[in-house]
């Protein structure tokens, strides 16, 4: 996942927050296939530090172990230190299975391109 709009100045547990309230993020990689695919553009809203995010939500998150990496993942539950997040593609492990709890910095509201609309709460 990458985006030119996601650099931050605020920090939470060593993790940069999103600078603006709304972010357009470009997905890079297969970890959330089939829900979103590489090249999709997503609209996300910044999440305040410590905000509870419901299970099943698609989010932008950072791992304290890799604070420069911004990922799109699905929340599986709240755990000490943040949220447990996983990709919908079980064959890709760039998620909490590899890096531990993540800090959620944004909640994905919907896909802007190429198929505009809301994302399902559960994997397709």
N, C-alpha and C. Protein backbone atom coordinates (compact mmCIF):
# COMPACT_ATOMS: atom_id res chain seq x y z
N UNK A 1 0.85 -1.16 0.00
CA UNK A 1 0.00 0.00 0.00
C UNK A 1 0.89 1.21 0.00
N UNK A 2 0.58 2.16 -0.82
CA UNK A 2 1.36 3.37 -0.82
C UNK A 2 0.48 4.56 -1.14
N UNK A 3 0.91 5.72 -0.69
CA UNK A 3 0.18 6.94 -0.98
C UNK A 3 1.07 8.12 -0.68
N UNK A 4 1.00 9.13 -1.49
CA UNK A 4 1.76 10.33 -1.23
C UNK A 4 1.13 11.18 -0.15
N UNK A 5 -0.10 10.87 0.27
CA UNK A 5 -0.83 11.69 1.23
C UNK A 5 -0.74 11.18 2.65
N UNK A 6 0.07 10.17 2.93
CA UNK A 6 -0.02 9.52 4.22
C UNK A 6 1.15 9.78 5.15
N UNK A 7 2.04 10.69 4.82
CA UNK A 7 3.12 10.99 5.75
C UNK A 7 2.54 11.75 6.94
N UNK A 8 3.16 11.63 8.09
CA UNK A 8 2.56 12.25 9.26
C UNK A 8 3.57 12.92 10.15
N UNK A 9 3.05 13.75 11.03
CA UNK A 9 3.90 14.39 12.01
C UNK A 9 3.54 13.95 13.41
N UNK A 10 2.26 13.61 13.66
CA UNK A 10 1.87 13.13 14.97
C UNK A 10 2.31 11.71 15.15
N UNK A 11 2.63 11.31 16.39
CA UNK A 11 3.09 9.95 16.62
C UNK A 11 2.27 9.29 17.71
N UNK A 12 2.03 8.00 17.56
CA UNK A 12 1.34 7.18 18.54
C UNK A 12 2.17 5.93 18.73
N UNK A 13 2.71 5.73 19.91
CA UNK A 13 3.54 4.55 20.20
C UNK A 13 4.63 4.37 19.15
N UNK A 14 5.27 5.47 18.76
CA UNK A 14 6.34 5.41 17.77
C UNK A 14 5.86 5.27 16.35
N UNK A 15 4.56 5.42 16.12
CA UNK A 15 3.97 5.25 14.80
C UNK A 15 3.39 6.58 14.35
N UNK A 16 3.68 6.97 13.09
CA UNK A 16 3.17 8.23 12.56
C UNK A 16 1.68 8.14 12.27
N UNK A 17 0.95 9.20 12.65
CA UNK A 17 -0.47 9.30 12.34
C UNK A 17 -0.63 9.89 10.95
N UNK A 18 -1.83 9.85 10.43
CA UNK A 18 -2.12 10.50 9.15
C UNK A 18 -2.22 12.00 9.39
N UNK A 19 -1.70 12.80 8.48
CA UNK A 19 -1.68 14.25 8.64
C UNK A 19 -3.05 14.87 8.40
N UNK A 20 -3.74 14.42 7.35
CA UNK A 20 -5.03 15.00 6.99
C UNK A 20 -6.16 14.09 7.44
N UNK A 21 -7.36 14.65 7.64
CA UNK A 21 -8.49 13.82 8.07
C UNK A 21 -8.91 12.77 7.03
N UNK A 22 -8.75 13.08 5.75
CA UNK A 22 -9.11 12.17 4.67
C UNK A 22 -7.88 11.87 3.82
N UNK A 23 -7.74 10.64 3.39
CA UNK A 23 -6.58 10.20 2.60
C UNK A 23 -7.06 9.34 1.44
N UNK A 24 -6.47 9.55 0.28
CA UNK A 24 -6.66 8.64 -0.85
C UNK A 24 -5.40 7.78 -0.91
N UNK A 25 -5.60 6.49 -0.79
CA UNK A 25 -4.47 5.56 -0.76
C UNK A 25 -4.53 4.63 -1.96
N UNK A 26 -3.38 4.34 -2.54
CA UNK A 26 -3.27 3.40 -3.66
C UNK A 26 -2.77 2.07 -3.11
N UNK A 27 -3.48 1.01 -3.41
CA UNK A 27 -3.11 -0.33 -2.96
C UNK A 27 -1.98 -0.86 -3.83
N UNK A 28 -0.97 -1.42 -3.17
CA UNK A 28 0.15 -2.05 -3.88
C UNK A 28 0.37 -3.43 -3.26
N UNK A 29 0.07 -4.47 -4.02
CA UNK A 29 0.29 -5.82 -3.53
C UNK A 29 -0.99 -6.61 -3.41
N UNK A 30 -0.86 -7.94 -3.25
CA UNK A 30 -2.01 -8.85 -3.28
C UNK A 30 -2.59 -9.23 -1.91
N UNK A 31 -2.16 -8.62 -0.82
CA UNK A 31 -2.54 -9.12 0.51
C UNK A 31 -4.02 -9.03 0.83
N UNK A 32 -4.77 -8.14 0.17
CA UNK A 32 -6.20 -8.01 0.45
C UNK A 32 -7.08 -8.54 -0.68
N UNK A 33 -6.50 -9.27 -1.62
CA UNK A 33 -7.28 -9.89 -2.69
C UNK A 33 -8.19 -10.95 -2.08
N UNK A 34 -9.45 -11.04 -2.40
CA UNK A 34 -10.16 -10.42 -3.50
C UNK A 34 -10.88 -9.11 -3.15
N UNK A 35 -10.85 -8.69 -1.89
CA UNK A 35 -11.60 -7.49 -1.49
C UNK A 35 -11.11 -6.25 -2.22
N UNK A 36 -9.81 -6.01 -2.18
CA UNK A 36 -9.20 -4.94 -2.97
C UNK A 36 -7.99 -5.52 -3.67
N UNK A 37 -7.66 -4.91 -4.79
CA UNK A 37 -6.55 -5.42 -5.60
C UNK A 37 -5.51 -4.34 -5.79
N UNK A 38 -4.32 -4.76 -6.16
CA UNK A 38 -3.24 -3.83 -6.43
C UNK A 38 -3.70 -2.83 -7.49
N UNK A 39 -3.48 -1.56 -7.21
CA UNK A 39 -3.90 -0.49 -8.12
C UNK A 39 -5.20 0.18 -7.71
N UNK A 40 -6.00 -0.45 -6.85
CA UNK A 40 -7.24 0.18 -6.39
C UNK A 40 -6.91 1.46 -5.63
N UNK A 41 -7.80 2.43 -5.71
CA UNK A 41 -7.69 3.67 -4.93
C UNK A 41 -8.77 3.65 -3.86
N UNK A 42 -8.36 3.84 -2.61
CA UNK A 42 -9.28 3.78 -1.47
C UNK A 42 -9.37 5.13 -0.78
N UNK A 43 -10.54 5.44 -0.26
CA UNK A 43 -10.73 6.64 0.55
C UNK A 43 -10.75 6.21 2.01
N UNK A 44 -9.89 6.82 2.82
CA UNK A 44 -9.80 6.46 4.24
C UNK A 44 -9.92 7.71 5.09
N UNK A 45 -10.49 7.54 6.26
CA UNK A 45 -10.63 8.62 7.23
C UNK A 45 -9.70 8.36 8.40
N UNK A 46 -8.97 9.41 8.83
CA UNK A 46 -8.04 9.29 9.95
C UNK A 46 -8.78 8.81 11.20
N UNK A 47 -8.10 7.98 11.99
CA UNK A 47 -8.63 7.45 13.24
C UNK A 47 -7.76 8.01 14.37
N UNK A 48 -8.41 8.54 15.40
CA UNK A 48 -7.68 9.08 16.54
C UNK A 48 -7.02 7.95 17.32
N UNK A 49 -5.89 8.25 17.94
CA UNK A 49 -5.16 7.26 18.74
C UNK A 49 -6.07 6.68 19.81
N UNK A 50 -6.03 5.36 19.95
CA UNK A 50 -6.80 4.69 20.99
C UNK A 50 -8.26 4.44 20.62
N UNK A 51 -8.69 4.82 19.43
CA UNK A 51 -10.07 4.60 19.01
C UNK A 51 -10.30 3.12 18.75
N UNK A 52 -11.40 2.61 19.27
CA UNK A 52 -11.75 1.21 19.01
C UNK A 52 -12.27 1.09 17.59
N UNK A 53 -11.83 0.07 16.89
CA UNK A 53 -12.26 -0.19 15.52
C UNK A 53 -12.92 -1.56 15.52
N UNK A 54 -14.08 -1.64 14.90
CA UNK A 54 -14.83 -2.90 14.95
C UNK A 54 -14.16 -4.00 14.14
N UNK A 55 -14.34 -5.22 14.61
CA UNK A 55 -13.82 -6.38 13.90
C UNK A 55 -14.42 -6.44 12.50
N UNK A 56 -13.61 -6.78 11.52
CA UNK A 56 -14.06 -6.87 10.15
C UNK A 56 -13.84 -5.61 9.33
N UNK A 57 -13.52 -4.49 10.00
CA UNK A 57 -13.30 -3.23 9.29
C UNK A 57 -11.99 -3.29 8.50
N UNK A 58 -11.99 -2.68 7.32
CA UNK A 58 -10.77 -2.55 6.52
C UNK A 58 -10.13 -1.23 6.92
N UNK A 59 -8.83 -1.28 7.24
CA UNK A 59 -8.16 -0.11 7.83
C UNK A 59 -6.80 0.14 7.19
N UNK A 60 -6.27 1.34 7.44
CA UNK A 60 -4.87 1.65 7.19
C UNK A 60 -4.19 1.49 8.54
N UNK A 61 -3.07 0.81 8.59
CA UNK A 61 -2.40 0.55 9.86
C UNK A 61 -0.89 0.59 9.68
N UNK A 62 -0.21 0.78 10.82
CA UNK A 62 1.25 0.73 10.86
C UNK A 62 1.65 -0.21 12.00
N UNK A 63 2.77 -0.88 11.81
CA UNK A 63 3.30 -1.77 12.83
C UNK A 63 4.43 -1.06 13.57
N UNK A 64 4.42 -1.05 14.91
CA UNK A 64 5.53 -0.44 15.65
C UNK A 64 6.88 -1.03 15.25
N UNK A 65 6.91 -2.30 14.88
CA UNK A 65 8.16 -2.94 14.46
C UNK A 65 8.63 -2.43 13.10
N UNK A 66 7.71 -1.90 12.28
CA UNK A 66 8.03 -1.35 10.95
C UNK A 66 7.24 -0.07 10.75
N UNK A 67 7.56 1.00 11.47
CA UNK A 67 6.73 2.22 11.46
C UNK A 67 6.65 2.91 10.10
N UNK A 68 7.57 2.67 9.20
CA UNK A 68 7.52 3.29 7.88
C UNK A 68 6.58 2.59 6.92
N UNK A 69 6.08 1.42 7.28
CA UNK A 69 5.22 0.63 6.41
C UNK A 69 3.76 0.94 6.71
N UNK A 70 3.02 1.41 5.72
CA UNK A 70 1.59 1.66 5.85
C UNK A 70 0.87 0.57 5.07
N UNK A 71 -0.05 -0.14 5.73
CA UNK A 71 -0.71 -1.29 5.12
C UNK A 71 -2.22 -1.14 5.13
N UNK A 72 -2.87 -1.83 4.21
CA UNK A 72 -4.33 -1.97 4.20
C UNK A 72 -4.61 -3.39 4.66
N UNK A 73 -5.35 -3.51 5.76
CA UNK A 73 -5.65 -4.83 6.33
C UNK A 73 -7.05 -4.83 6.92
N UNK A 74 -7.50 -6.01 7.35
CA UNK A 74 -8.79 -6.17 8.01
C UNK A 74 -8.56 -6.43 9.50
N UNK A 75 -9.32 -5.73 10.34
CA UNK A 75 -9.19 -5.89 11.79
C UNK A 75 -9.82 -7.22 12.19
N UNK A 76 -9.06 -8.00 12.95
CA UNK A 76 -9.56 -9.28 13.47
C UNK A 76 -9.90 -9.18 14.96
N UNK A 77 -9.39 -8.15 15.63
CA UNK A 77 -9.71 -7.97 17.04
C UNK A 77 -8.75 -7.01 17.71
N UNK A 78 -9.19 -6.49 18.87
CA UNK A 78 -8.34 -5.62 19.67
C UNK A 78 -7.46 -6.50 20.56
N UNK A 79 -6.19 -6.14 20.67
CA UNK A 79 -5.24 -6.88 21.50
C UNK A 79 -4.38 -5.87 22.25
N UNK A 80 -3.69 -6.28 23.30
CA UNK A 80 -2.79 -5.34 23.97
C UNK A 80 -1.79 -4.78 22.96
N UNK A 81 -1.66 -3.48 22.92
CA UNK A 81 -0.73 -2.84 22.00
C UNK A 81 -1.35 -2.39 20.70
N UNK A 82 -2.65 -2.63 20.51
CA UNK A 82 -3.30 -2.18 19.28
C UNK A 82 -4.37 -3.13 18.79
N UNK A 83 -4.32 -3.42 17.50
CA UNK A 83 -5.29 -4.31 16.87
C UNK A 83 -4.55 -5.42 16.13
N UNK A 84 -5.19 -6.59 16.11
CA UNK A 84 -4.68 -7.70 15.30
C UNK A 84 -5.28 -7.52 13.91
N UNK A 85 -4.43 -7.37 12.90
CA UNK A 85 -4.90 -7.16 11.53
C UNK A 85 -4.33 -8.23 10.62
N UNK A 86 -5.13 -8.64 9.66
CA UNK A 86 -4.71 -9.65 8.71
C UNK A 86 -5.22 -9.29 7.32
N UNK A 87 -4.51 -9.74 6.30
CA UNK A 87 -4.96 -9.59 4.93
C UNK A 87 -6.00 -10.65 4.61
N UNK A 88 -6.82 -10.39 3.60
CA UNK A 88 -7.82 -11.37 3.18
C UNK A 88 -7.21 -12.52 2.39
N UNK A 89 -6.00 -12.33 1.87
CA UNK A 89 -5.29 -13.37 1.14
C UNK A 89 -4.41 -14.13 2.12
N UNK A 90 -4.76 -15.39 2.46
CA UNK A 90 -4.03 -16.12 3.49
C UNK A 90 -2.60 -16.50 3.11
N UNK A 91 -2.22 -16.32 1.84
CA UNK A 91 -0.89 -16.71 1.41
C UNK A 91 0.13 -15.58 1.53
N UNK A 92 -0.30 -14.40 1.96
CA UNK A 92 0.59 -13.25 2.14
C UNK A 92 0.63 -12.93 3.63
N UNK A 93 1.83 -12.82 4.22
CA UNK A 93 1.93 -12.69 5.68
C UNK A 93 2.45 -11.34 6.16
N UNK A 94 2.28 -10.28 5.36
CA UNK A 94 2.69 -8.94 5.82
C UNK A 94 1.61 -8.37 6.71
N UNK A 95 1.35 -9.04 7.82
CA UNK A 95 0.29 -8.60 8.72
C UNK A 95 0.68 -8.94 10.15
N UNK A 96 -0.27 -8.99 11.06
CA UNK A 96 0.05 -9.23 12.47
C UNK A 96 0.66 -10.60 12.71
N UNK A 97 0.45 -11.55 11.83
CA UNK A 97 1.09 -12.86 11.98
C UNK A 97 2.60 -12.74 11.88
N UNK A 98 3.07 -11.74 11.14
CA UNK A 98 4.51 -11.54 10.99
C UNK A 98 5.06 -10.43 11.88
N UNK A 99 4.27 -9.36 12.11
CA UNK A 99 4.79 -8.18 12.80
C UNK A 99 4.12 -7.87 14.14
N UNK A 100 3.14 -8.66 14.56
CA UNK A 100 2.46 -8.42 15.83
C UNK A 100 1.37 -7.37 15.71
N UNK A 101 0.91 -6.84 16.85
CA UNK A 101 -0.19 -5.88 16.85
C UNK A 101 0.15 -4.63 16.02
N UNK A 102 -0.89 -4.06 15.41
CA UNK A 102 -0.73 -2.87 14.59
C UNK A 102 -1.48 -1.70 15.23
N UNK A 103 -1.05 -0.49 14.88
CA UNK A 103 -1.75 0.72 15.30
C UNK A 103 -2.59 1.16 14.10
N UNK A 104 -3.90 1.19 14.28
CA UNK A 104 -4.80 1.62 13.22
C UNK A 104 -4.73 3.14 13.13
N UNK A 105 -4.44 3.67 11.93
CA UNK A 105 -4.34 5.12 11.73
C UNK A 105 -5.45 5.64 10.83
N UNK A 106 -6.19 4.76 10.16
CA UNK A 106 -7.30 5.20 9.31
C UNK A 106 -8.26 4.06 9.05
N UNK A 107 -9.52 4.42 8.82
CA UNK A 107 -10.54 3.42 8.48
C UNK A 107 -10.95 3.65 7.03
N UNK A 108 -10.90 2.60 6.22
CA UNK A 108 -11.26 2.70 4.81
C UNK A 108 -12.78 2.85 4.70
N UNK A 109 -13.19 3.91 4.03
CA UNK A 109 -14.61 4.22 3.85
C UNK A 109 -15.15 3.55 2.58
N UNK A 110 -14.32 3.52 1.54
CA UNK A 110 -14.77 2.90 0.30
C UNK A 110 -13.70 2.93 -0.77
N UNK A 111 -14.01 2.28 -1.87
CA UNK A 111 -13.11 2.26 -3.02
C UNK A 111 -13.55 3.36 -3.97
N UNK A 112 -12.59 4.15 -4.45
CA UNK A 112 -12.88 5.21 -5.41
C UNK A 112 -12.70 4.76 -6.85
N UNK A 113 -11.73 3.86 -7.07
CA UNK A 113 -11.40 3.44 -8.43
C UNK A 113 -10.78 2.05 -8.38
N UNK A 114 -11.01 1.15 -9.26
CA UNK A 114 -11.78 1.25 -10.49
C UNK A 114 -13.25 0.88 -10.33
N UNK A 115 -13.65 0.29 -9.22
CA UNK A 115 -15.06 -0.09 -9.00
C UNK A 115 -15.54 0.66 -7.77
N UNK A 116 -16.03 1.91 -7.92
CA UNK A 116 -16.43 2.70 -6.76
C UNK A 116 -17.48 2.00 -5.92
N UNK A 117 -17.37 2.16 -4.61
CA UNK A 117 -18.38 1.61 -3.71
C UNK A 117 -17.80 1.25 -2.35
N UNK A 118 -18.68 0.79 -1.47
CA UNK A 118 -18.27 0.36 -0.14
C UNK A 118 -17.61 -1.01 -0.21
N UNK A 119 -16.77 -1.29 0.78
CA UNK A 119 -16.12 -2.59 0.87
C UNK A 119 -16.92 -3.49 1.80
N UNK A 120 -16.94 -4.80 1.54
CA UNK A 120 -17.69 -5.69 2.43
C UNK A 120 -17.03 -5.78 3.81
N UNK A 121 -17.87 -5.98 4.83
CA UNK A 121 -17.35 -6.12 6.20
C UNK A 121 -16.60 -7.43 6.40
N UNK A 122 -16.89 -8.39 5.62
CA UNK A 122 -16.22 -9.69 5.69
C UNK A 122 -15.63 -10.01 4.33
N UNK A 123 -14.57 -10.80 4.27
CA UNK A 123 -13.97 -11.13 2.98
C UNK A 123 -14.97 -11.80 2.05
N UNK A 124 -14.81 -11.50 0.76
CA UNK A 124 -15.72 -12.10 -0.25
C UNK A 124 -15.41 -13.56 -0.47
